């Protein structure tokens, strides 16, 4: 997320970059469905739909060759969904930012 925010600021003119500060917000809570909810949001450039559809795929990356493996989001998805039987979603709007929503059951017995 931090990289996307920084890239967005590089595209802004100097007056715009002085009035729009980068933001990452984290909120937590417990839902009525007895899950722990974590939301991580930024006000970066947003993720295009074509990329958004693939971000949890193994080896998918938008970084230059040698700058990443494309496994981070795939591993996060595997831990949340497969190991903890939770949910992870990404909602993004171009020009407004991105939010990752994670929910993990509280009463799950792990093996």
PDB file of N, CA and C in Angstrom:
ATOM      1  N   UNK A   1       0.814  -1.181   0.000  1.00  0.00           N
ATOM      2  CA  UNK A   1       0.000   0.000   0.000  1.00  0.00           C
ATOM      3  C   UNK A   1       0.866   1.257   0.000  1.00  0.00           C
ATOM      4  N   UNK A   2       1.915   1.239   0.810  1.00  0.00           N
ATOM      5  CA  UNK A   2       2.768   2.415   0.914  1.00  0.00           C
ATOM      6  C   UNK A   2       3.339   2.787  -0.455  1.00  0.00           C
ATOM      7  N   UNK A   3       3.752   1.786  -1.232  1.00  0.00           N
ATOM      8  CA  UNK A   3       4.308   2.049  -2.554  1.00  0.00           C
ATOM      9  C   UNK A   3       3.280   2.729  -3.450  1.00  0.00           C
ATOM     10  N   UNK A   4       2.026   2.293  -3.412  1.00  0.00           N
ATOM     11  CA  UNK A   4       0.995   2.897  -4.244  1.00  0.00           C
ATOM     12  C   UNK A   4       0.723   4.340  -3.838  1.00  0.00           C
ATOM     13  N   UNK A   5       0.744   4.607  -2.546  1.00  0.00           N
ATOM     14  CA  UNK A   5       0.541   5.983  -2.088  1.00  0.00           C
ATOM     15  C   UNK A   5       1.678   6.864  -2.588  1.00  0.00           C
ATOM     16  N   UNK A   6       2.912   6.387  -2.451  1.00  0.00           N
ATOM     17  CA  UNK A   6       4.063   7.168  -2.908  1.00  0.00           C
ATOM     18  C   UNK A   6       4.007   7.405  -4.417  1.00  0.00           C
ATOM     19  N   UNK A   7       3.620   6.390  -5.186  1.00  0.00           N
ATOM     20  CA  UNK A   7       3.506   6.556  -6.638  1.00  0.00           C
ATOM     21  C   UNK A   7       2.451   7.596  -6.985  1.00  0.00           C
ATOM     22  N   UNK A   8       1.367   7.619  -6.227  1.00  0.00           N
ATOM     23  CA  UNK A   8       0.312   8.602  -6.461  1.00  0.00           C
ATOM     24  C   UNK A   8       0.814  10.016  -6.238  1.00  0.00           C
ATOM     25  N   UNK A   9       1.647  10.218  -5.237  1.00  0.00           N
ATOM     26  CA  UNK A   9       2.168  11.554  -4.956  1.00  0.00           C
ATOM     27  C   UNK A   9       3.157  12.024  -6.009  1.00  0.00           C
ATOM     28  N   UNK A  10       3.854  11.094  -6.631  1.00  0.00           N
ATOM     29  CA  UNK A  10       4.779  11.472  -7.689  1.00  0.00           C
ATOM     30  C   UNK A  10       4.031  12.059  -8.876  1.00  0.00           C
ATOM     31  N   UNK A  11       2.766  11.695  -9.057  1.00  0.00           N
ATOM     32  CA  UNK A  11       1.960  12.178 -10.173  1.00  0.00           C
ATOM     33  C   UNK A  11       1.288  13.517  -9.874  1.00  0.00           C
ATOM     34  N   UNK A  12       1.236  13.917  -8.599  1.00  0.00           N
ATOM     35  CA  UNK A  12       0.581  15.167  -8.228  1.00  0.00           C
ATOM     36  C   UNK A  12       1.500  16.361  -8.469  1.00  0.00           C
ATOM     37  N   UNK A  13       0.911  17.481  -8.772  1.00  0.00           N
ATOM     38  CA  UNK A  13       1.696  18.710  -8.842  1.00  0.00           C
ATOM     39  C   UNK A  13       2.092  19.112  -7.426  1.00  0.00           C
ATOM     40  N   UNK A  14       3.040  20.003  -7.284  1.00  0.00           N
ATOM     41  CA  UNK A  14       3.513  20.410  -5.963  1.00  0.00           C
ATOM     42  C   UNK A  14       2.383  20.981  -5.105  1.00  0.00           C
ATOM     43  N   UNK A  15       1.530  21.898  -5.590  1.00  0.00           N
ATOM     44  CA  UNK A  15       0.437  22.387  -4.731  1.00  0.00           C
ATOM     45  C   UNK A  15      -0.513  21.271  -4.283  1.00  0.00           C
ATOM     46  N   UNK A  16      -0.805  20.307  -5.178  1.00  0.00           N
ATOM     47  CA  UNK A  16      -1.693  19.206  -4.803  1.00  0.00           C
ATOM     48  C   UNK A  16      -1.047  18.332  -3.742  1.00  0.00           C
ATOM     49  N   UNK A  17       0.245  18.036  -3.886  1.00  0.00           N
ATOM     50  CA  UNK A  17       0.909  17.142  -2.943  1.00  0.00           C
ATOM     51  C   UNK A  17       1.037  17.779  -1.568  1.00  0.00           C
ATOM     52  N   UNK A  18       1.012  19.105  -1.491  1.00  0.00           N
ATOM     53  CA  UNK A  18       1.085  19.767  -0.196  1.00  0.00           C
ATOM     54  C   UNK A  18      -0.258  19.763   0.529  1.00  0.00           C
ATOM     55  N   UNK A  19      -1.353  19.650  -0.207  1.00  0.00           N
ATOM     56  CA  UNK A  19      -2.675  19.686   0.418  1.00  0.00           C
ATOM     57  C   UNK A  19      -3.278  18.305   0.622  1.00  0.00           C
ATOM     58  N   UNK A  20      -2.779  17.301  -0.072  1.00  0.00           N
ATOM     59  CA  UNK A  20      -3.307  15.945   0.082  1.00  0.00           C
ATOM     60  C   UNK A  20      -2.230  15.069   0.707  1.00  0.00           C
ATOM     61  N   UNK A  21      -2.424  14.712   1.964  1.00  0.00           N
ATOM     62  CA  UNK A  21      -1.429  13.875   2.627  1.00  0.00           C
ATOM     63  C   UNK A  21      -1.824  12.411   2.517  1.00  0.00           C
ATOM     64  N   UNK A  22      -0.803  11.554   2.464  1.00  0.00           N
ATOM     65  CA  UNK A  22      -1.046  10.114   2.403  1.00  0.00           C
ATOM     66  C   UNK A  22      -1.603   9.621   3.722  1.00  0.00           C
ATOM     67  N   UNK A  23      -2.475   8.640   3.643  1.00  0.00           N
ATOM     68  CA  UNK A  23      -3.123   8.134   4.848  1.00  0.00           C
ATOM     69  C   UNK A  23      -3.287   6.633   4.752  1.00  0.00           C
ATOM     70  N   UNK A  24      -2.948   5.954   5.826  1.00  0.00           N
ATOM     71  CA  UNK A  24      -3.267   4.542   5.992  1.00  0.00           C
ATOM     72  C   UNK A  24      -4.021   4.443   7.305  1.00  0.00           C
ATOM     73  N   UNK A  25      -5.219   3.879   7.268  1.00  0.00           N
ATOM     74  CA  UNK A  25      -6.049   3.760   8.464  1.00  0.00           C
ATOM     75  C   UNK A  25      -6.332   2.288   8.731  1.00  0.00           C
ATOM     76  N   UNK A  26      -6.322   1.924  10.005  1.00  0.00           N
ATOM     77  CA  UNK A  26      -6.616   0.556  10.418  1.00  0.00           C
ATOM     78  C   UNK A  26      -7.742   0.607  11.430  1.00  0.00           C
ATOM     79  N   UNK A  27      -8.763  -0.202  11.198  1.00  0.00           N
ATOM     80  CA  UNK A  27      -9.846  -0.300  12.179  1.00  0.00           C
ATOM     81  C   UNK A  27     -10.087  -1.774  12.488  1.00  0.00           C
ATOM     82  N   UNK A  28     -10.534  -2.035  13.704  1.00  0.00           N
ATOM     83  CA  UNK A  28     -10.791  -3.401  14.146  1.00  0.00           C
ATOM     84  C   UNK A  28     -12.130  -3.459  14.859  1.00  0.00           C
ATOM     85  N   UNK A  29     -12.652  -4.652  14.987  1.00  0.00           N
ATOM     86  CA  UNK A  29     -13.899  -4.826  15.717  1.00  0.00           C
ATOM     87  C   UNK A  29     -14.334  -6.274  15.715  1.00  0.00           C
ATOM     88  N   UNK A  30     -15.447  -6.509  16.369  1.00  0.00           N
ATOM     89  CA  UNK A  30     -16.063  -7.827  16.407  1.00  0.00           C
ATOM     90  C   UNK A  30     -17.428  -7.699  15.745  1.00  0.00           C
ATOM     91  N   UNK A  31     -17.746  -8.625  14.838  1.00  0.00           N
ATOM     92  CA  UNK A  31     -19.006  -8.556  14.099  1.00  0.00           C
ATOM     93  C   UNK A  31     -20.109  -9.343  14.817  1.00  0.00           C
ATOM     94  N   UNK A  32     -21.325  -9.169  14.368  1.00  0.00           N
ATOM     95  CA  UNK A  32     -22.457  -9.936  14.900  1.00  0.00           C
ATOM     96  C   UNK A  32     -22.346 -11.418  14.555  1.00  0.00           C
ATOM     97  N   UNK A  33     -21.548 -11.736  13.544  1.00  0.00           N
ATOM     98  CA  UNK A  33     -21.342 -13.128  13.144  1.00  0.00           C
ATOM     99  C   UNK A  33     -20.220 -13.788  13.950  1.00  0.00           C
ATOM    100  N   UNK A  34     -19.771 -13.128  15.024  1.00  0.00           N
ATOM    101  CA  UNK A  34     -18.736 -13.642  15.914  1.00  0.00           C
ATOM    102  C   UNK A  34     -17.394 -13.823  15.197  1.00  0.00           C
ATOM    103  N   UNK A  35     -17.026 -12.823  14.421  1.00  0.00           N
ATOM    104  CA  UNK A  35     -15.723 -12.800  13.773  1.00  0.00           C
ATOM    105  C   UNK A  35     -14.978 -11.533  14.194  1.00  0.00           C
ATOM    106  N   UNK A  36     -13.678 -11.610  14.124  1.00  0.00           N
ATOM    107  CA  UNK A  36     -12.842 -10.428  14.308  1.00  0.00           C
ATOM    108  C   UNK A  36     -12.712  -9.779  12.939  1.00  0.00           C
ATOM    109  N   UNK A  37     -12.935  -8.462  12.874  1.00  0.00           N
ATOM    110  CA  UNK A  37     -12.855  -7.722  11.617  1.00  0.00           C
ATOM    111  C   UNK A  37     -11.680  -6.747  11.684  1.00  0.00           C
ATOM    112  N   UNK A  38     -10.860  -6.766  10.642  1.00  0.00           N
ATOM    113  CA  UNK A  38      -9.767  -5.805  10.502  1.00  0.00           C
ATOM    114  C   UNK A  38      -9.902  -5.179   9.123  1.00  0.00           C
ATOM    115  N   UNK A  39      -9.882  -3.856   9.069  1.00  0.00           N
ATOM    116  CA  UNK A  39      -9.911  -3.144   7.795  1.00  0.00           C
ATOM    117  C   UNK A  39      -8.686  -2.248   7.713  1.00  0.00           C
ATOM    118  N   UNK A  40      -8.003  -2.338   6.587  1.00  0.00           N
ATOM    119  CA  UNK A  40      -6.824  -1.514   6.328  1.00  0.00           C
ATOM    120  C   UNK A  40      -7.108  -0.714   5.067  1.00  0.00           C
ATOM    121  N   UNK A  41      -7.113   0.610   5.189  1.00  0.00           N
ATOM    122  CA  UNK A  41      -7.471   1.486   4.070  1.00  0.00           C
ATOM    123  C   UNK A  41      -6.374   2.498   3.798  1.00  0.00           C
ATOM    124  N   UNK A  42      -6.280   2.902   2.545  1.00  0.00           N
ATOM    125  CA  UNK A  42      -5.391   4.004   2.194  1.00  0.00           C
ATOM    126  C   UNK A  42      -6.135   4.978   1.292  1.00  0.00           C
ATOM    127  N   UNK A  43      -5.536   6.124   1.073  1.00  0.00           N
ATOM    128  CA  UNK A  43      -6.127   7.094   0.151  1.00  0.00           C
ATOM    129  C   UNK A  43      -5.218   7.281  -1.057  1.00  0.00           C
ATOM    130  N   UNK A  44      -4.619   6.177  -1.492  1.00  0.00           N
ATOM    131  CA  UNK A  44      -3.711   6.197  -2.633  1.00  0.00           C
ATOM    132  C   UNK A  44      -4.441   6.277  -3.958  1.00  0.00           C
ATOM    133  N   UNK A  45      -3.767   5.824  -4.994  1.00  0.00           N
ATOM    134  CA  UNK A  45      -4.281   5.955  -6.355  1.00  0.00           C
ATOM    135  C   UNK A  45      -5.372   4.952  -6.699  1.00  0.00           C
ATOM    136  N   UNK A  46      -5.531   3.897  -5.896  1.00  0.00           N
ATOM    137  CA  UNK A  46      -6.503   2.853  -6.195  1.00  0.00           C
ATOM    138  C   UNK A  46      -5.897   1.787  -7.090  1.00  0.00           C
ATOM    139  N   UNK A  47      -6.591   0.675  -7.212  1.00  0.00           N
ATOM    140  CA  UNK A  47      -6.119  -0.460  -8.011  1.00  0.00           C
ATOM    141  C   UNK A  47      -7.081  -0.662  -9.170  1.00  0.00           C
ATOM    142  N   UNK A  48      -6.586  -0.676 -10.410  1.00  0.00           N
ATOM    143  CA  UNK A  48      -7.464  -0.925 -11.565  1.00  0.00           C
ATOM    144  C   UNK A  48      -8.129  -2.300 -11.474  1.00  0.00           C
ATOM    145  N   UNK A  49      -9.345  -2.420 -11.995  1.00  0.00           N
ATOM    146  CA  UNK A  49     -10.119  -3.648 -11.907  1.00  0.00           C
ATOM    147  C   UNK A  49      -9.367  -4.859 -12.461  1.00  0.00           C
ATOM    148  N   UNK A  50      -8.662  -4.690 -13.563  1.00  0.00           N
ATOM    149  CA  UNK A  50      -7.923  -5.808 -14.159  1.00  0.00           C
ATOM    150  C   UNK A  50      -6.858  -6.369 -13.238  1.00  0.00           C
ATOM    151  N   UNK A  51      -6.287  -5.522 -12.422  1.00  0.00           N
ATOM    152  CA  UNK A  51      -5.294  -5.962 -11.444  1.00  0.00           C
ATOM    153  C   UNK A  51      -5.994  -6.486 -10.198  1.00  0.00           C
ATOM    154  N   UNK A  52      -7.034  -5.806  -9.775  1.00  0.00           N
ATOM    155  CA  UNK A  52      -7.782  -6.183  -8.572  1.00  0.00           C
ATOM    156  C   UNK A  52      -8.278  -7.624  -8.656  1.00  0.00           C
ATOM    157  N   UNK A  53      -8.667  -8.047  -9.843  1.00  0.00           N
ATOM    158  CA  UNK A  53      -9.169  -9.406 -10.041  1.00  0.00           C
ATOM    159  C   UNK A  53      -8.089 -10.471  -9.852  1.00  0.00           C
ATOM    160  N   UNK A  54      -6.809 -10.059  -9.852  1.00  0.00           N
ATOM    161  CA  UNK A  54      -5.713 -11.037  -9.798  1.00  0.00           C
ATOM    162  C   UNK A  54      -4.813 -10.915  -8.577  1.00  0.00           C
ATOM    163  N   UNK A  55      -5.065  -9.967  -7.686  1.00  0.00           N
ATOM    164  CA  UNK A  55      -4.083  -9.699  -6.628  1.00  0.00           C
ATOM    165  C   UNK A  55      -3.830 -10.871  -5.688  1.00  0.00           C
ATOM    166  N   UNK A  56      -4.772 -11.791  -5.547  1.00  0.00           N
ATOM    167  CA  UNK A  56      -4.564 -12.930  -4.656  1.00  0.00           C
ATOM    168  C   UNK A  56      -3.988 -14.145  -5.392  1.00  0.00           C
ATOM    169  N   UNK A  57      -3.736 -14.024  -6.695  1.00  0.00           N
ATOM    170  CA  UNK A  57      -3.156 -15.126  -7.470  1.00  0.00           C
ATOM    171  C   UNK A  57      -1.675 -15.284  -7.135  1.00  0.00           C
ATOM    172  N   UNK A  58      -1.213 -16.538  -6.961  1.00  0.00           N
ATOM    173  CA  UNK A  58       0.213 -16.752  -6.715  1.00  0.00           C
ATOM    174  C   UNK A  58       1.064 -16.214  -7.865  1.00  0.00           C
ATOM    175  N   UNK A  59       2.149 -15.572  -7.522  1.00  0.00           N
ATOM    176  CA  UNK A  59       3.149 -15.037  -8.446  1.00  0.00           C
ATOM    177  C   UNK A  59       2.688 -13.817  -9.234  1.00  0.00           C
ATOM    178  N   UNK A  60       1.498 -13.301  -8.959  1.00  0.00           N
ATOM    179  CA  UNK A  60       1.075 -12.074  -9.629  1.00  0.00           C
ATOM    180  C   UNK A  60       1.725 -10.888  -8.940  1.00  0.00           C
ATOM    181  N   UNK A  61       2.355 -10.031  -9.719  1.00  0.00           N
ATOM    182  CA  UNK A  61       2.980  -8.828  -9.175  1.00  0.00           C
ATOM    183  C   UNK A  61       2.923  -7.712 -10.205  1.00  0.00           C
ATOM    184  N   UNK A  62       2.903  -6.499  -9.724  1.00  0.00           N
ATOM    185  CA  UNK A  62       2.991  -5.336 -10.605  1.00  0.00           C
ATOM    186  C   UNK A  62       4.372  -4.708 -10.503  1.00  0.00           C
ATOM    187  N   UNK A  63       5.222  -5.301  -9.679  1.00  0.00           N
ATOM    188  CA  UNK A  63       6.572  -4.767  -9.482  1.00  0.00           C
ATOM    189  C   UNK A  63       7.481  -5.196 -10.623  1.00  0.00           C
ATOM    190  N   UNK A  64       8.566  -4.469 -10.770  1.00  0.00           N
ATOM    191  CA  UNK A  64       9.561  -4.789 -11.795  1.00  0.00           C
ATOM    192  C   UNK A  64      10.227  -6.132 -11.471  1.00  0.00           C
ATOM    193  N   UNK A  65      10.777  -6.776 -12.488  1.00  0.00           N
ATOM    194  CA  UNK A  65      11.471  -8.050 -12.315  1.00  0.00           C
ATOM    195  C   UNK A  65      12.565  -7.880 -11.263  1.00  0.00           C
ATOM    196  N   UNK A  66      12.611  -8.806 -10.327  1.00  0.00           N
ATOM    197  CA  UNK A  66      13.609  -8.764  -9.267  1.00  0.00           C
ATOM    198  C   UNK A  66      13.200  -7.943  -8.054  1.00  0.00           C
ATOM    199  N   UNK A  67      12.031  -7.306  -8.096  1.00  0.00           N
ATOM    200  CA  UNK A  67      11.580  -6.454  -6.986  1.00  0.00           C
ATOM    201  C   UNK A  67      10.542  -7.135  -6.104  1.00  0.00           C
ATOM    202  N   UNK A  68      10.094  -8.301  -6.465  1.00  0.00           N
ATOM    203  CA  UNK A  68       9.099  -8.998  -5.653  1.00  0.00           C
ATOM    204  C   UNK A  68       8.772 -10.339  -6.264  1.00  0.00           C
ATOM    205  N   UNK A  69       8.225 -11.232  -5.445  1.00  0.00           N
ATOM    206  CA  UNK A  69       7.908 -12.577  -5.927  1.00  0.00           C
ATOM    207  C   UNK A  69       6.450 -12.743  -6.319  1.00  0.00           C
ATOM    208  N   UNK A  70       5.589 -11.844  -5.866  1.00  0.00           N
ATOM    209  CA  UNK A  70       4.171 -11.983  -6.147  1.00  0.00           C
ATOM    210  C   UNK A  70       3.501 -13.010  -5.254  1.00  0.00           C
ATOM    211  N   UNK A  71       4.099 -13.273  -4.103  1.00  0.00           N
ATOM    212  CA  UNK A  71       3.532 -14.268  -3.202  1.00  0.00           C
ATOM    213  C   UNK A  71       2.863 -13.681  -1.968  1.00  0.00           C
ATOM    214  N   UNK A  72       3.115 -12.434  -1.645  1.00  0.00           N
ATOM    215  CA  UNK A  72       2.611 -11.843  -0.406  1.00  0.00           C
ATOM    216  C   UNK A  72       1.114 -11.916  -0.245  1.00  0.00           C
ATOM    217  N   UNK A  73       0.372 -11.443  -1.217  1.00  0.00           N
ATOM    218  CA  UNK A  73      -1.089 -11.441  -1.114  1.00  0.00           C
ATOM    219  C   UNK A  73      -1.650 -12.857  -1.214  1.00  0.00           C
ATOM    220  N   UNK A  74      -1.000 -13.713  -1.982  1.00  0.00           N
ATOM    221  CA  UNK A  74      -1.423 -15.104  -2.083  1.00  0.00           C
ATOM    222  C   UNK A  74      -1.258 -15.812  -0.745  1.00  0.00           C
ATOM    223  N   UNK A  75      -0.153 -15.565  -0.069  1.00  0.00           N
ATOM    224  CA  UNK A  75       0.087 -16.162   1.245  1.00  0.00           C
ATOM    225  C   UNK A  75      -0.911 -15.614   2.262  1.00  0.00           C
ATOM    226  N   UNK A  76      -1.160 -14.305   2.231  1.00  0.00           N
ATOM    227  CA  UNK A  76      -2.139 -13.701   3.142  1.00  0.00           C
ATOM    228  C   UNK A  76      -3.511 -14.345   2.935  1.00  0.00           C
ATOM    229  N   UNK A  77      -3.903 -14.514   1.687  1.00  0.00           N
ATOM    230  CA  UNK A  77      -5.195 -15.148   1.366  1.00  0.00           C
ATOM    231  C   UNK A  77      -5.238 -16.574   1.906  1.00  0.00           C
ATOM    232  N   UNK A  78      -4.172 -17.318   1.710  1.00  0.00           N
ATOM    233  CA  UNK A  78      -4.097 -18.701   2.179  1.00  0.00           C
ATOM    234  C   UNK A  78      -4.234 -18.781   3.700  1.00  0.00           C
ATOM    235  N   UNK A  79      -3.561 -17.906   4.418  1.00  0.00           N
ATOM    236  CA  UNK A  79      -3.620 -17.921   5.884  1.00  0.00           C
ATOM    237  C   UNK A  79      -5.021 -17.577   6.371  1.00  0.00           C
ATOM    238  N   UNK A  80      -5.589 -16.513   5.832  1.00  0.00           N
ATOM    239  CA  UNK A  80      -6.906 -16.059   6.296  1.00  0.00           C
ATOM    240  C   UNK A  80      -8.005 -17.045   5.906  1.00  0.00           C
ATOM    241  N   UNK A  81      -8.037 -17.454   4.638  1.00  0.00           N
ATOM    242  CA  UNK A  81      -9.151 -18.263   4.124  1.00  0.00           C
ATOM    243  C   UNK A  81      -8.985 -19.748   4.418  1.00  0.00           C
ATOM    244  N   UNK A  82      -7.830 -20.305   4.097  1.00  0.00           N
ATOM    245  CA  UNK A  82      -7.652 -21.753   4.235  1.00  0.00           C
ATOM    246  C   UNK A  82      -7.347 -22.175   5.671  1.00  0.00           C
ATOM    247  N   UNK A  83      -6.419 -21.491   6.311  1.00  0.00           N
ATOM    248  CA  UNK A  83      -6.038 -21.898   7.667  1.00  0.00           C
ATOM    249  C   UNK A  83      -7.059 -21.479   8.712  1.00  0.00           C
ATOM    250  N   UNK A  84      -7.563 -20.245   8.625  1.00  0.00           N
ATOM    251  CA  UNK A  84      -8.452 -19.718   9.659  1.00  0.00           C
ATOM    252  C   UNK A  84      -9.927 -19.693   9.264  1.00  0.00           C
ATOM    253  N   UNK A  85     -10.239 -20.170   8.045  1.00  0.00           N
ATOM    254  CA  UNK A  85     -11.629 -20.232   7.554  1.00  0.00           C
ATOM    255  C   UNK A  85     -12.314 -18.870   7.599  1.00  0.00           C
ATOM    256  N   UNK A  86     -11.544 -17.821   7.278  1.00  0.00           N
ATOM    257  CA  UNK A  86     -12.070 -16.466   7.273  1.00  0.00           C
ATOM    258  C   UNK A  86     -12.290 -15.947   5.867  1.00  0.00           C
ATOM    259  N   UNK A  87     -12.358 -14.624   5.759  1.00  0.00           N
ATOM    260  CA  UNK A  87     -12.572 -13.964   4.469  1.00  0.00           C
ATOM    261  C   UNK A  87     -11.589 -12.811   4.352  1.00  0.00           C
ATOM    262  N   UNK A  88     -11.147 -12.564   3.134  1.00  0.00           N
ATOM    263  CA  UNK A  88     -10.344 -11.385   2.843  1.00  0.00           C
ATOM    264  C   UNK A  88     -10.828 -10.819   1.514  1.00  0.00           C
ATOM    265  N   UNK A  89     -11.140  -9.546   1.527  1.00  0.00           N
ATOM    266  CA  UNK A  89     -11.640  -8.879   0.323  1.00  0.00           C
ATOM    267  C   UNK A  89     -10.858  -7.590   0.117  1.00  0.00           C
ATOM    268  N   UNK A  90     -10.814  -7.170  -1.126  1.00  0.00           N
ATOM    269  CA  UNK A  90     -10.166  -5.910  -1.469  1.00  0.00           C
ATOM    270  C   UNK A  90     -11.141  -5.083  -2.291  1.00  0.00           C
ATOM    271  N   UNK A  91     -11.370  -3.867  -1.824  1.00  0.00           N
ATOM    272  CA  UNK A  91     -12.260  -2.933  -2.514  1.00  0.00           C
ATOM    273  C   UNK A  91     -11.424  -1.716  -2.867  1.00  0.00           C
ATOM    274  N   UNK A  92     -11.480  -1.302  -4.126  1.00  0.00           N
ATOM    275  CA  UNK A  92     -10.654  -0.188  -4.549  1.00  0.00           C
ATOM    276  C   UNK A  92     -11.398   0.700  -5.525  1.00  0.00           C
ATOM    277  N   UNK A  93     -11.078   1.968  -5.468  1.00  0.00           N
ATOM    278  CA  UNK A  93     -11.671   2.948  -6.367  1.00  0.00           C
ATOM    279  C   UNK A  93     -10.555   3.848  -6.889  1.00  0.00           C
ATOM    280  N   UNK A  94     -10.402   3.879  -8.201  1.00  0.00           N
ATOM    281  CA  UNK A  94      -9.339   4.670  -8.812  1.00  0.00           C
ATOM    282  C   UNK A  94      -9.469   6.134  -8.362  1.00  0.00           C
ATOM    283  N   UNK A  95      -8.368   6.668  -7.879  1.00  0.00           N
ATOM    284  CA  UNK A  95      -8.330   8.051  -7.431  1.00  0.00           C
ATOM    285  C   UNK A  95      -8.742   8.261  -5.984  1.00  0.00           C
ATOM    286  N   UNK A  96      -9.274   7.223  -5.346  1.00  0.00           N
ATOM    287  CA  UNK A  96      -9.767   7.371  -3.971  1.00  0.00           C
ATOM    288  C   UNK A  96      -9.080   6.458  -2.961  1.00  0.00           C
ATOM    289  N   UNK A  97      -8.539   5.346  -3.399  1.00  0.00           N
ATOM    290  CA  UNK A  97      -7.845   4.465  -2.465  1.00  0.00           C
ATOM    291  C   UNK A  97      -8.355   3.043  -2.467  1.00  0.00           C
ATOM    292  N   UNK A  98      -7.834   2.282  -1.500  1.00  0.00           N
ATOM    293  CA  UNK A  98      -8.076   0.850  -1.421  1.00  0.00           C
ATOM    294  C   UNK A  98      -8.342   0.452   0.026  1.00  0.00           C
ATOM    295  N   UNK A  99      -9.229  -0.525   0.205  1.00  0.00           N
ATOM    296  CA  UNK A  99      -9.502  -1.083   1.527  1.00  0.00           C
ATOM    297  C   UNK A  99      -9.427  -2.599   1.455  1.00  0.00           C
ATOM    298  N   UNK A 100      -8.667  -3.181   2.370  1.00  0.00           N
ATOM    299  CA  UNK A 100      -8.643  -4.623   2.560  1.00  0.00           C
ATOM    300  C   UNK A 100      -9.490  -4.932   3.782  1.00  0.00           C
ATOM    301  N   UNK A 101     -10.444  -5.842   3.623  1.00  0.00           N
ATOM    302  CA  UNK A 101     -11.328  -6.246   4.714  1.00  0.00           C
ATOM    303  C   UNK A 101     -11.043  -7.706   5.044  1.00  0.00           C
ATOM    304  N   UNK A 102     -10.723  -7.947   6.295  1.00  0.00           N
ATOM    305  CA  UNK A 102     -10.381  -9.289   6.760  1.00  0.00           C
ATOM    306  C   UNK A 102     -11.322  -9.653   7.900  1.00  0.00           C
ATOM    307  N   UNK A 103     -11.882 -10.864   7.845  1.00  0.00           N
ATOM    308  CA  UNK A 103     -12.704 -11.378   8.942  1.00  0.00           C
ATOM    309  C   UNK A 103     -12.242 -12.788   9.267  1.00  0.00           C
ATOM    310  N   UNK A 104     -12.050 -13.042  10.558  1.00  0.00           N
ATOM    311  CA  UNK A 104     -11.615 -14.357  11.026  1.00  0.00           C
ATOM    312  C   UNK A 104     -12.549 -14.796  12.153  1.00  0.00           C
ATOM    313  N   UNK A 105     -13.092 -16.037  12.067  1.00  0.00           N
ATOM    314  CA  UNK A 105     -13.970 -16.532  13.126  1.00  0.00           C
ATOM    315  C   UNK A 105     -13.265 -16.550  14.488  1.00  0.00           C
ATOM    316  N   UNK A 106     -14.005 -16.191  15.528  1.00  0.00           N
ATOM    317  CA  UNK A 106     -13.426 -16.168  16.872  1.00  0.00           C
ATOM    318  C   UNK A 106     -13.374 -17.568  17.475  1.00  0.00           C
ATOM    319  N   UNK A 107     -14.397 -18.357  17.300  1.00  0.00           N
ATOM    320  CA  UNK A 107     -14.490 -19.660  17.973  1.00  0.00           C
ATOM    321  C   UNK A 107     -14.006 -20.824  17.130  1.00  0.00           C
ATOM    322  N   UNK A 108     -13.098 -20.600  16.220  1.00  0.00           N
ATOM    323  CA  UNK A 108     -12.580 -21.675  15.378  1.00  0.00           C
ATOM    324  C   UNK A 108     -11.523 -22.468  16.135  1.00  0.00           C
ATOM    325  N   UNK A 109     -11.585 -23.799  16.046  1.00  0.00           N
ATOM    326  CA  UNK A 109     -10.568 -24.656  16.635  1.00  0.00           C
ATOM    327  C   UNK A 109      -9.568 -24.989  15.536  1.00  0.00           C
ATOM    328  N   UNK A 110      -8.295 -24.653  15.750  1.00  0.00           N
ATOM    329  CA  UNK A 110      -7.261 -24.859  14.730  1.00  0.00           C
ATOM    330  C   UNK A 110      -6.484 -26.122  15.034  1.00  0.00           C
ATOM    331  N   UNK A 111      -6.112 -26.800  13.960  1.00  0.00           N
ATOM    332  CA  UNK A 111      -5.342 -28.045  14.099  1.00  0.00           C
ATOM    333  C   UNK A 111      -3.901 -27.811  13.720  1.00  0.00           C
TER     334      UNK A 111
END
